[in-house]
Amino acid sequence: MKAVRFHQYGDPSVLRYEDVEQPVPGAGQALIRVAATSFNGVEGNIRAGFMQGPIPVTLPHTLGIDVSGTIAALGEGVSGLAIGDRVVGFLPMTADGAAAEYVVAPADILAPAPTSIPLADAAALPIVALTAWQALFEHAQLTAGQRVLINGAGGAVGGYAVQLAKSAGAYVIGVTGPRSGDQAKAAGADEVLDHPAVTSPVDAVLNLAPVEPAQLAVLLDLIGDGGVLVNTTVWMPAPSDDKRGVRGINLFVRSDAAQLGHLVTLVDSGELRVDIAQRVPLAELPAVHTQAAAGALPGKTVIVAAA
């Protein structure tokens, strides 16, 4: 089968589209015929060698954390899945991923794929939607009537966060770059700003953007007493304000099949929109990494496996 791997850390030129042996599912695993994966910024950092501490991988390594596809075979002890089932999942970051024609996955991280969108497009859902969900509802514990500011609302995670927060009945303030304000508005933000500012304190701030420590401190000042700052740029710890009871939380997204299954139901009910900026063949994944390194990605990119 074909896969995109790197044999050494480095810039996008280390990526190779090459023949590899098709994996075989072990106990508790499923073999998935990949429809698509997607590009996530962390994968560029893994390829470059910046994540060897928190996300150690064995070289050569196949990229692709998100997966959508069809069950092709099942390992011993797997129940609740059948060959031919269409699934989505957030794969273990340290294992070989779905930038390939086939991938093995722990069966218990898989959820049924949405039926209302193409199977390949479903690969745009897992890691970014789970990040948004966990930030809003596990960590910020957002409820109806609260005010939330989302810094980076025009990005892939931000788009889901705006939609989910608005659906939950929150007042949503989106902070975006100059090219992504329209996306935040389309996702349902009540206000869209080009810099973090509020007329009255918010209950929660989600920081989804790579900001400097001083900028993160400014976000803390926008939060009312007893509120929370959830930060996804985990290389920079989230500050707290103990005197005001404002908590700073660093979010490390995790795979959760039940949460992903709920997000799929929201997609199929029309309550959550999956936005795709571009669809790229698997062989062209190195070019996507080059785009990302240059800051030129137009939005969420789906990588379609070879037929």
C-alpha atoms as a PDB file:
ATOM      1  CA  MET A   1       0.000   0.000   0.000  1.00  0.00           C
ATOM      2  CA  LYS A   2       0.999   3.651  -0.280  1.00  0.00           C
ATOM      3  CA  ALA A   3       1.730   5.900   2.704  1.00  0.00           C
ATOM      4  CA  VAL A   4       3.392   9.229   3.460  1.00  0.00           C
ATOM      5  CA  ARG A   5       6.214   8.803   5.980  1.00  0.00           C
ATOM      6  CA  PHE A   6       9.346  10.520   7.208  1.00  0.00           C
ATOM      7  CA  HIS A   7      12.540   8.644   8.029  1.00  0.00           C
ATOM      8  CA  GLN A   8      14.193  11.567   9.780  1.00  0.00           C
ATOM      9  CA  TYR A   9      12.998  14.788  11.379  1.00  0.00           C
ATOM     10  CA  GLY A  10      13.131  17.968   9.343  1.00  0.00           C
ATOM     11  CA  ASP A  11      11.298  20.322   7.009  1.00  0.00           C
ATOM     12  CA  PRO A  12       8.548  19.115   4.630  1.00  0.00           C
ATOM     13  CA  SER A  13      11.157  17.769   2.205  1.00  0.00           C
ATOM     14  CA  VAL A  14      11.696  14.750   4.504  1.00  0.00           C
ATOM     15  CA  LEU A  15       8.221  13.406   3.670  1.00  0.00           C
ATOM     16  CA  ARG A  16       8.111  10.440   1.308  1.00  0.00           C
ATOM     17  CA  TYR A  17       5.154   8.981  -0.597  1.00  0.00           C
ATOM     18  CA  GLU A  18       6.190   5.346  -0.721  1.00  0.00           C
ATOM     19  CA  ASP A  19       5.223   1.696  -0.648  1.00  0.00           C
ATOM     20  CA  VAL A  20       4.885   0.141   2.802  1.00  0.00           C
ATOM     21  CA  GLU A  21       3.588  -3.145   4.105  1.00  0.00           C
ATOM     22  CA  GLN A  22      -0.135  -3.220   4.849  1.00  0.00           C
ATOM     23  CA  PRO A  23      -0.685  -3.502   8.623  1.00  0.00           C
ATOM     24  CA  VAL A  24      -2.540  -6.386  10.276  1.00  0.00           C
ATOM     25  CA  PRO A  25      -4.931  -5.732  13.169  1.00  0.00           C
ATOM     26  CA  GLY A  26      -3.974  -7.205  16.522  1.00  0.00           C
ATOM     27  CA  ALA A  27      -6.194  -7.989  19.471  1.00  0.00           C
ATOM     28  CA  GLY A  28      -8.636  -5.160  20.119  1.00  0.00           C
ATOM     29  CA  GLN A  29      -7.782  -3.432  16.843  1.00  0.00           C
ATOM     30  CA  ALA A  30      -9.543  -2.724  13.558  1.00  0.00           C
ATOM     31  CA  LEU A  31      -8.007  -2.385  10.121  1.00  0.00           C
ATOM     32  CA  ILE A  32      -9.459   0.639   8.346  1.00  0.00           C
ATOM     33  CA  ARG A  33      -9.426   1.226   4.604  1.00  0.00           C
ATOM     34  CA  VAL A  34      -8.736   4.933   4.763  1.00  0.00           C
ATOM     35  CA  ALA A  35     -11.033   7.355   3.000  1.00  0.00           C
ATOM     36  CA  ALA A  36      -9.147  10.376   4.286  1.00  0.00           C
ATOM     37  CA  THR A  37      -7.118  11.959   7.022  1.00  0.00           C
ATOM     38  CA  SER A  38      -6.644  15.694   7.614  1.00  0.00           C
ATOM     39  CA  PHE A  39      -3.813  18.085   8.313  1.00  0.00           C
ATOM     40  CA  ASN A  40      -3.361  19.308  11.883  1.00  0.00           C
ATOM     41  CA  GLY A  41      -0.702  21.777  12.942  1.00  0.00           C
ATOM     42  CA  VAL A  42       0.722  19.416  15.548  1.00  0.00           C
ATOM     43  CA  GLU A  43       1.706  17.034  12.742  1.00  0.00           C
ATOM     44  CA  GLY A  44       4.045  19.637  11.308  1.00  0.00           C
ATOM     45  CA  ASN A  45       5.657  19.929  14.735  1.00  0.00           C
ATOM     46  CA  ILE A  46       5.952  16.138  15.022  1.00  0.00           C
ATOM     47  CA  ARG A  47       7.603  15.949  11.585  1.00  0.00           C
ATOM     48  CA  ALA A  48      10.002  18.749  12.484  1.00  0.00           C
ATOM     49  CA  GLY A  49      11.071  16.972  15.682  1.00  0.00           C
ATOM     50  CA  PHE A  50       9.681  19.581  18.069  1.00  0.00           C
ATOM     51  CA  MET A  51       7.408  17.095  19.898  1.00  0.00           C
ATOM     52  CA  GLN A  52       9.845  14.257  20.632  1.00  0.00           C
ATOM     53  CA  GLY A  53       9.303  14.670  24.379  1.00  0.00           C
ATOM     54  CA  PRO A  54       5.485  14.691  24.661  1.00  0.00           C
ATOM     55  CA  ILE A  55       4.790  12.714  21.449  1.00  0.00           C
ATOM     56  CA  PRO A  56       7.616  10.229  20.815  1.00  0.00           C
ATOM     57  CA  VAL A  57       7.298   8.338  17.531  1.00  0.00           C
ATOM     58  CA  THR A  58       9.295   5.524  15.975  1.00  0.00           C
ATOM     59  CA  LEU A  59      10.971   6.312  12.663  1.00  0.00           C
ATOM     60  CA  PRO A  60      10.005   5.869   9.917  1.00  0.00           C
ATOM     61  CA  HIS A  61       6.661   7.338  10.955  1.00  0.00           C
ATOM     62  CA  THR A  62       3.382   7.644   9.048  1.00  0.00           C
ATOM     63  CA  LEU A  63       1.457  10.851   9.735  1.00  0.00           C
ATOM     64  CA  GLY A  64      -2.321  11.286  10.014  1.00  0.00           C
ATOM     65  CA  ILE A  65      -4.014  11.644  13.417  1.00  0.00           C
ATOM     66  CA  ASP A  66      -7.572  11.903  12.078  1.00  0.00           C
ATOM     67  CA  VAL A  67      -9.147   9.069  10.131  1.00  0.00           C
ATOM     68  CA  SER A  68     -12.342   8.363   8.273  1.00  0.00           C
ATOM     69  CA  GLY A  69     -12.844   5.117   6.440  1.00  0.00           C
ATOM     70  CA  THR A  70     -14.335   1.654   6.258  1.00  0.00           C
ATOM     71  CA  ILE A  71     -13.610  -1.346   8.478  1.00  0.00           C
ATOM     72  CA  ALA A  72     -11.640  -3.890   6.398  1.00  0.00           C
ATOM     73  CA  ALA A  73     -10.730  -6.456   9.074  1.00  0.00           C
ATOM     74  CA  LEU A  74     -11.073  -6.970  12.827  1.00  0.00           C
ATOM     75  CA  GLY A  75      -8.603  -8.298  15.370  1.00  0.00           C
ATOM     76  CA  GLU A  76      -9.374 -10.774  18.098  1.00  0.00           C
ATOM     77  CA  GLY A  77     -11.805  -9.677  20.793  1.00  0.00           C
ATOM     78  CA  VAL A  78     -13.395  -6.775  18.920  1.00  0.00           C
ATOM     79  CA  SER A  79     -17.152  -6.415  19.330  1.00  0.00           C
ATOM     80  CA  GLY A  80     -19.629  -3.788  18.205  1.00  0.00           C
ATOM     81  CA  LEU A  81     -17.980  -3.329  14.810  1.00  0.00           C
ATOM     82  CA  ALA A  82     -18.385  -5.189  11.531  1.00  0.00           C
ATOM     83  CA  ILE A  83     -16.491  -5.301   8.260  1.00  0.00           C
ATOM     84  CA  GLY A  84     -17.907  -2.591   6.022  1.00  0.00           C
ATOM     85  CA  ASP A  85     -18.795  -0.188   8.854  1.00  0.00           C
ATOM     86  CA  ARG A  86     -17.985   3.453   8.112  1.00  0.00           C
ATOM     87  CA  VAL A  87     -16.087   5.016  11.010  1.00  0.00           C
ATOM     88  CA  VAL A  88     -14.171   8.066  12.211  1.00  0.00           C
ATOM     89  CA  GLY A  89     -11.529   8.315  14.878  1.00  0.00           C
ATOM     90  CA  PHE A  90      -8.776  10.275  16.609  1.00  0.00           C
ATOM     91  CA  LEU A  91      -5.792   7.928  16.377  1.00  0.00           C
ATOM     92  CA  PRO A  92      -3.036   7.570  19.003  1.00  0.00           C
ATOM     93  CA  MET A  93      -0.505  10.298  18.240  1.00  0.00           C
ATOM     94  CA  THR A  94       2.516   8.086  18.824  1.00  0.00           C
ATOM     95  CA  ALA A  95       1.371   5.294  16.485  1.00  0.00           C
ATOM     96  CA  ASP A  96       1.494   5.210  12.691  1.00  0.00           C
ATOM     97  CA  GLY A  97      -1.357   7.269  11.308  1.00  0.00           C
ATOM     98  CA  ALA A  98      -3.828   7.458   8.468  1.00  0.00           C
ATOM     99  CA  ALA A  99      -1.762   9.160   5.774  1.00  0.00           C
ATOM    100  CA  ALA A 100      -1.921   5.787   4.085  1.00  0.00           C
ATOM    101  CA  GLU A 101      -4.319   3.515   2.235  1.00  0.00           C
ATOM    102  CA  TYR A 102      -4.850   1.393   5.383  1.00  0.00           C
ATOM    103  CA  VAL A 103      -4.312   1.964   9.093  1.00  0.00           C
ATOM    104  CA  VAL A 104      -4.871  -0.070  12.246  1.00  0.00           C
ATOM    105  CA  ALA A 105      -6.662   1.590  15.155  1.00  0.00           C
ATOM    106  CA  PRO A 106      -7.782   0.626  18.628  1.00  0.00           C
ATOM    107  CA  ALA A 107     -11.405  -0.399  18.090  1.00  0.00           C
ATOM    108  CA  ASP A 108     -12.580   1.474  21.174  1.00  0.00           C
ATOM    109  CA  ILE A 109     -11.601   4.905  19.822  1.00  0.00           C
ATOM    110  CA  LEU A 110     -13.831   4.624  16.745  1.00  0.00           C
ATOM    111  CA  ALA A 111     -17.274   6.146  16.262  1.00  0.00           C
ATOM    112  CA  PRO A 112     -19.795   5.715  13.432  1.00  0.00           C
ATOM    113  CA  ALA A 113     -19.094   8.202  10.645  1.00  0.00           C
ATOM    114  CA  PRO A 114     -21.621  10.906   9.799  1.00  0.00           C
ATOM    115  CA  THR A 115     -24.091   9.895   7.116  1.00  0.00           C
ATOM    116  CA  SER A 116     -24.953  13.414   5.978  1.00  0.00           C
ATOM    117  CA  ILE A 117     -21.543  14.332   4.529  1.00  0.00           C
ATOM    118  CA  PRO A 118     -19.031  12.493   2.306  1.00  0.00           C
ATOM    119  CA  LEU A 119     -16.974   9.930   4.227  1.00  0.00           C
ATOM    120  CA  ALA A 120     -13.707  11.648   3.280  1.00  0.00           C
ATOM    121  CA  ASP A 121     -14.930  14.985   4.657  1.00  0.00           C
ATOM    122  CA  ALA A 122     -15.604  13.356   8.029  1.00  0.00           C
ATOM    123  CA  ALA A 123     -11.825  13.237   8.564  1.00  0.00           C
ATOM    124  CA  ALA A 124     -12.004  16.974   9.281  1.00  0.00           C
ATOM    125  CA  LEU A 125     -13.988  16.316  12.458  1.00  0.00           C
ATOM    126  CA  PRO A 126     -12.190  14.283  15.160  1.00  0.00           C
ATOM    127  CA  ILE A 127      -9.258  16.129  16.722  1.00  0.00           C
ATOM    128  CA  VAL A 128     -10.426  19.700  16.144  1.00  0.00           C
ATOM    129  CA  ALA A 129     -14.045  19.137  17.169  1.00  0.00           C
ATOM    130  CA  LEU A 130     -12.967  17.159  20.241  1.00  0.00           C
ATOM    131  CA  THR A 131     -10.600  19.986  21.190  1.00  0.00           C
ATOM    132  CA  ALA A 132     -13.448  22.497  20.971  1.00  0.00           C
ATOM    133  CA  TRP A 133     -15.858  20.266  22.906  1.00  0.00           C
ATOM    134  CA  GLN A 134     -13.440  19.466  25.720  1.00  0.00           C
ATOM    135  CA  ALA A 135     -12.357  23.101  26.040  1.00  0.00           C
ATOM    136  CA  LEU A 136     -15.903  24.408  26.276  1.00  0.00           C
ATOM    137  CA  PHE A 137     -17.723  21.767  28.271  1.00  0.00           C
ATOM    138  CA  GLU A 138     -15.152  19.774  30.242  1.00  0.00           C
ATOM    139  CA  HIS A 139     -12.831  22.591  31.228  1.00  0.00           C
ATOM    140  CA  ALA A 140     -14.753  25.874  30.901  1.00  0.00           C
ATOM    141  CA  GLN A 141     -18.006  24.110  31.883  1.00  0.00           C
ATOM    142  CA  LEU A 142     -19.880  26.561  29.677  1.00  0.00           C
ATOM    143  CA  THR A 143     -23.636  26.911  30.206  1.00  0.00           C
ATOM    144  CA  ALA A 144     -26.467  28.860  28.590  1.00  0.00           C
ATOM    145  CA  GLY A 145     -26.387  32.588  29.223  1.00  0.00           C
ATOM    146  CA  GLN A 146     -22.646  32.799  29.840  1.00  0.00           C
ATOM    147  CA  ARG A 147     -20.250  34.950  27.837  1.00  0.00           C
ATOM    148  CA  VAL A 148     -17.243  33.357  26.153  1.00  0.00           C
ATOM    149  CA  LEU A 149     -14.404  34.933  24.184  1.00  0.00           C
ATOM    150  CA  ILE A 150     -12.711  32.668  21.634  1.00  0.00           C
ATOM    151  CA  ASN A 151      -9.268  33.877  20.550  1.00  0.00           C
ATOM    152  CA  GLY A 152      -8.566  32.239  17.203  1.00  0.00           C
ATOM    153  CA  ALA A 153     -12.232  31.879  16.282  1.00  0.00           C
ATOM    154  CA  GLY A 154     -11.463  31.838  12.565  1.00  0.00           C
ATOM    155  CA  GLY A 155      -9.416  28.641  12.676  1.00  0.00           C
ATOM    156  CA  ALA A 156     -10.552  25.024  12.426  1.00  0.00           C
ATOM    157  CA  VAL A 157     -10.952  24.494  16.182  1.00  0.00           C
ATOM    158  CA  GLY A 158     -12.383  27.984  16.535  1.00  0.00           C
ATOM    159  CA  GLY A 159     -15.082  27.351  13.966  1.00  0.00           C
ATOM    160  CA  TYR A 160     -16.343  24.340  15.906  1.00  0.00           C
ATOM    161  CA  ALA A 161     -15.990  26.172  19.226  1.00  0.00           C
ATOM    162  CA  VAL A 162     -18.108  29.086  17.999  1.00  0.00           C
ATOM    163  CA  GLN A 163     -20.815  26.749  16.694  1.00  0.00           C
ATOM    164  CA  LEU A 164     -20.890  24.611  19.851  1.00  0.00           C
ATOM    165  CA  ALA A 165     -20.861  27.576  22.244  1.00  0.00           C
ATOM    166  CA  LYS A 166     -23.645  29.317  20.334  1.00  0.00           C
ATOM    167  CA  SER A 167     -25.699  26.105  20.245  1.00  0.00           C
ATOM    168  CA  ALA A 168     -25.276  25.845  24.024  1.00  0.00           C
ATOM    169  CA  GLY A 169     -26.867  29.274  24.449  1.00  0.00           C
ATOM    170  CA  ALA A 170     -23.732  31.297  25.192  1.00  0.00           C
ATOM    171  CA  TYR A 171     -22.923  34.812  24.002  1.00  0.00           C
ATOM    172  CA  VAL A 172     -19.891  34.344  21.752  1.00  0.00           C
ATOM    173  CA  ILE A 173     -17.172  36.914  21.063  1.00  0.00           C
ATOM    174  CA  GLY A 174     -14.818  35.766  18.339  1.00  0.00           C
ATOM    175  CA  VAL A 175     -11.333  37.203  17.872  1.00  0.00           C
ATOM    176  CA  THR A 176      -9.854  36.494  14.439  1.00  0.00           C
ATOM    177  CA  GLY A 177      -7.207  37.576  11.990  1.00  0.00           C
ATOM    178  CA  PRO A 178      -8.113  39.936   9.142  1.00  0.00           C
ATOM    179  CA  ARG A 179      -8.843  37.098   6.693  1.00  0.00           C
ATOM    180  CA  SER A 180     -11.057  34.918   8.884  1.00  0.00           C
ATOM    181  CA  GLY A 181     -13.663  37.231  10.377  1.00  0.00           C
ATOM    182  CA  ASP A 182     -16.304  36.117   7.903  1.00  0.00           C
ATOM    183  CA  GLN A 183     -15.824  32.472   8.946  1.00  0.00           C
ATOM    184  CA  ALA A 184     -16.434  33.341  12.595  1.00  0.00           C
ATOM    185  CA  LYS A 185     -19.547  35.308  11.668  1.00  0.00           C
ATOM    186  CA  ALA A 186     -20.825  32.425   9.563  1.00  0.00           C
ATOM    187  CA  ALA A 187     -20.241  30.060  12.492  1.00  0.00           C
ATOM    188  CA  GLY A 188     -22.545  32.203  14.621  1.00  0.00           C
ATOM    189  CA  ALA A 189     -20.363  34.565  16.663  1.00  0.00           C
ATOM    190  CA  ASP A 190     -22.337  37.421  18.222  1.00  0.00           C
ATOM    191  CA  GLU A 191     -19.348  39.759  17.933  1.00  0.00           C
ATOM    192  CA  VAL A 192     -16.229  39.456  15.769  1.00  0.00           C
ATOM    193  CA  LEU A 193     -13.168  41.528  16.715  1.00  0.00           C
ATOM    194  CA  ASP A 194      -9.633  41.812  15.410  1.00  0.00           C
ATOM    195  CA  HIS A 195      -8.183  42.063  18.923  1.00  0.00           C
ATOM    196  CA  PRO A 196      -9.242  40.808  22.369  1.00  0.00           C
ATOM    197  CA  ALA A 197     -11.542  43.366  23.987  1.00  0.00           C
ATOM    198  CA  VAL A 198     -14.811  43.287  25.932  1.00  0.00           C
ATOM    199  CA  THR A 199     -17.273  45.849  27.227  1.00  0.00           C
ATOM    200  CA  SER A 200     -17.999  43.677  30.269  1.00  0.00           C
ATOM    201  CA  PRO A 201     -16.145  40.659  31.693  1.00  0.00           C
ATOM    202  CA  VAL A 202     -16.604  37.230  30.177  1.00  0.00           C
ATOM    203  CA  ASP A 203     -17.101  33.946  32.013  1.00  0.00           C
ATOM    204  CA  ALA A 204     -14.552  32.075  29.939  1.00  0.00           C
ATOM    205  CA  VAL A 205     -11.798  32.623  27.399  1.00  0.00           C
ATOM    206  CA  LEU A 206     -10.584  29.971  24.977  1.00  0.00           C
ATOM    207  CA  ASN A 207      -7.141  30.722  23.610  1.00  0.00           C
ATOM    208  CA  LEU A 208      -6.628  28.782  20.392  1.00  0.00           C
ATOM    209  CA  ALA A 209      -3.939  31.038  18.933  1.00  0.00           C
ATOM    210  CA  PRO A 210      -0.133  30.999  19.289  1.00  0.00           C
ATOM    211  CA  VAL A 211       0.267  34.145  21.395  1.00  0.00           C
ATOM    212  CA  GLU A 212       3.071  35.577  23.504  1.00  0.00           C
ATOM    213  CA  PRO A 213       2.910  35.318  27.338  1.00  0.00           C
ATOM    214  CA  ALA A 214       2.048  39.014  27.620  1.00  0.00           C
ATOM    215  CA  GLN A 215      -0.898  38.518  25.255  1.00  0.00           C
ATOM    216  CA  LEU A 216      -2.109  35.560  27.287  1.00  0.00           C
ATOM    217  CA  ALA A 217      -1.993  37.737  30.403  1.00  0.00           C
ATOM    218  CA  VAL A 218      -4.196  40.298  28.651  1.00  0.00           C
ATOM    219  CA  LEU A 219      -6.783  37.572  28.003  1.00  0.00           C
ATOM    220  CA  LEU A 220      -6.794  36.737  31.722  1.00  0.00           C
ATOM    221  CA  ASP A 221      -7.748  40.326  32.522  1.00  0.00           C
ATOM    222  CA  LEU A 222     -10.913  40.041  30.403  1.00  0.00           C
ATOM    223  CA  ILE A 223     -12.365  37.290  32.606  1.00  0.00           C
ATOM    224  CA  GLY A 224     -14.723  38.008  35.483  1.00  0.00           C
ATOM    225  CA  ASP A 225     -14.185  36.704  39.009  1.00  0.00           C
ATOM    226  CA  GLY A 226     -14.525  32.928  39.205  1.00  0.00           C
ATOM    227  CA  GLY A 227     -14.057  32.454  35.467  1.00  0.00           C
ATOM    228  CA  VAL A 228     -11.681  30.282  33.485  1.00  0.00           C
ATOM    229  CA  LEU A 229      -8.992  30.600  30.808  1.00  0.00           C
ATOM    230  CA  VAL A 230      -8.552  27.463  28.673  1.00  0.00           C
ATOM    231  CA  ASN A 231      -5.328  27.487  26.672  1.00  0.00           C
ATOM    232  CA  THR A 232      -4.463  25.091  23.849  1.00  0.00           C
ATOM    233  CA  THR A 233      -0.950  26.432  23.185  1.00  0.00           C
ATOM    234  CA  VAL A 234       0.384  24.029  25.778  1.00  0.00           C
ATOM    235  CA  TRP A 235       4.055  24.970  25.426  1.00  0.00           C
ATOM    236  CA  MET A 236       3.079  28.162  27.325  1.00  0.00           C
ATOM    237  CA  PRO A 237       1.322  27.539  30.661  1.00  0.00           C
ATOM    238  CA  ALA A 238      -2.024  29.233  31.188  1.00  0.00           C
ATOM    239  CA  PRO A 239      -1.839  31.907  33.899  1.00  0.00           C
ATOM    240  CA  SER A 240      -4.295  32.054  36.811  1.00  0.00           C
ATOM    241  CA  ASP A 241      -5.474  34.850  39.105  1.00  0.00           C
ATOM    242  CA  ASP A 242      -5.954  33.274  42.524  1.00  0.00           C
ATOM    243  CA  LYS A 243      -7.151  36.498  44.130  1.00  0.00           C
ATOM    244  CA  ARG A 244     -10.125  36.638  41.757  1.00  0.00           C
ATOM    245  CA  GLY A 245     -10.637  32.899  41.544  1.00  0.00           C
ATOM    246  CA  VAL A 246      -9.822  32.817  37.818  1.00  0.00           C
ATOM    247  CA  ARG A 247      -8.416  29.424  36.802  1.00  0.00           C
ATOM    248  CA  GLY A 248      -5.938  28.846  34.014  1.00  0.00           C
ATOM    249  CA  ILE A 249      -6.191  25.422  32.365  1.00  0.00           C
ATOM    250  CA  ASN A 250      -3.922  23.859  29.748  1.00  0.00           C
ATOM    251  CA  LEU A 251      -5.880  21.606  27.419  1.00  0.00           C
ATOM    252  CA  PHE A 252      -4.336  18.364  26.159  1.00  0.00           C
ATOM    253  CA  VAL A 253      -7.000  16.943  23.850  1.00  0.00           C
ATOM    254  CA  ARG A 254      -7.702  13.247  24.206  1.00  0.00           C
ATOM    255  CA  SER A 255      -9.484  10.682  22.065  1.00  0.00           C
ATOM    256  CA  ASP A 256     -13.019   9.968  23.283  1.00  0.00           C
ATOM    257  CA  ALA A 257     -15.322   7.787  21.179  1.00  0.00           C
ATOM    258  CA  ALA A 258     -18.472   8.733  23.108  1.00  0.00           C
ATOM    259  CA  GLN A 259     -17.845  12.460  22.674  1.00  0.00           C
ATOM    260  CA  LEU A 260     -16.960  11.951  19.023  1.00  0.00           C
ATOM    261  CA  GLY A 261     -20.143   9.961  18.523  1.00  0.00           C
ATOM    262  CA  HIS A 262     -22.141  12.848  20.001  1.00  0.00           C
ATOM    263  CA  LEU A 263     -20.422  15.301  17.676  1.00  0.00           C
ATOM    264  CA  VAL A 264     -21.328  13.047  14.742  1.00  0.00           C
ATOM    265  CA  THR A 265     -24.998  13.185  15.784  1.00  0.00           C
ATOM    266  CA  LEU A 266     -24.767  16.989  15.808  1.00  0.00           C
ATOM    267  CA  VAL A 267     -23.383  16.919  12.264  1.00  0.00           C
ATOM    268  CA  ASP A 268     -26.155  14.617  11.066  1.00  0.00           C
ATOM    269  CA  SER A 269     -28.840  16.730  12.738  1.00  0.00           C
ATOM    270  CA  GLY A 270     -27.548  19.867  11.035  1.00  0.00           C
ATOM    271  CA  GLU A 271     -26.477  21.491  14.314  1.00  0.00           C
ATOM    272  CA  LEU A 272     -22.746  21.311  13.522  1.00  0.00           C
ATOM    273  CA  ARG A 273     -21.276  22.211  10.141  1.00  0.00           C
ATOM    274  CA  VAL A 274     -18.069  20.627   8.832  1.00  0.00           C
ATOM    275  CA  ASP A 275     -16.150  23.166   6.760  1.00  0.00           C
ATOM    276  CA  ILE A 276     -13.525  21.978   4.271  1.00  0.00           C
ATOM    277  CA  ALA A 277     -11.154  24.470   2.633  1.00  0.00           C
ATOM    278  CA  GLN A 278      -9.446  22.016   0.285  1.00  0.00           C
ATOM    279  CA  ARG A 279      -9.226  18.314  -0.540  1.00  0.00           C
ATOM    280  CA  VAL A 280      -5.787  17.055  -1.540  1.00  0.00           C
ATOM    281  CA  PRO A 281      -4.661  13.612  -2.779  1.00  0.00           C
ATOM    282  CA  LEU A 282      -2.486  11.606  -0.407  1.00  0.00           C
ATOM    283  CA  ALA A 283       0.545  11.890  -2.682  1.00  0.00           C
ATOM    284  CA  GLU A 284       0.421  15.695  -2.304  1.00  0.00           C
ATOM    285  CA  LEU A 285       0.539  15.742   1.509  1.00  0.00           C
ATOM    286  CA  PRO A 286       4.145  17.074   1.479  1.00  0.00           C
ATOM    287  CA  ALA A 287       2.892  20.150  -0.387  1.00  0.00           C
ATOM    288  CA  VAL A 288       0.294  20.721   2.339  1.00  0.00           C
ATOM    289  CA  HIS A 289       3.064  20.699   4.948  1.00  0.00           C
ATOM    290  CA  THR A 290       4.933  23.237   2.841  1.00  0.00           C
ATOM    291  CA  GLN A 291       1.822  25.411   2.671  1.00  0.00           C
ATOM    292  CA  ALA A 292       1.381  25.190   6.430  1.00  0.00           C
ATOM    293  CA  ALA A 293       5.031  26.037   7.117  1.00  0.00           C
ATOM    294  CA  ALA A 294       4.603  29.167   4.996  1.00  0.00           C
ATOM    295  CA  GLY A 295       1.404  30.135   6.812  1.00  0.00           C
ATOM    296  CA  ALA A 296      -0.513  29.746   3.556  1.00  0.00           C
ATOM    297  CA  LEU A 297      -3.086  27.059   4.367  1.00  0.00           C
ATOM    298  CA  PRO A 298      -6.560  28.348   3.420  1.00  0.00           C
ATOM    299  CA  GLY A 299      -8.335  26.398   6.194  1.00  0.00           C
ATOM    300  CA  LYS A 300      -9.092  22.820   7.137  1.00  0.00           C
ATOM    301  CA  THR A 301      -7.445  20.486   4.637  1.00  0.00           C
ATOM    302  CA  VAL A 302      -8.599  16.926   4.008  1.00  0.00           C
ATOM    303  CA  ILE A 303      -6.070  14.444   2.644  1.00  0.00           C
ATOM    304  CA  VAL A 304      -7.871  11.904   0.438  1.00  0.00           C
ATOM    305  CA  ALA A 305      -6.336   8.418   0.305  1.00  0.00           C
ATOM    306  CA  ALA A 306      -5.698   6.749  -3.030  1.00  0.00           C
ATOM    307  CA  ALA A 307      -8.628   4.726  -4.384  1.00  0.00           C
END
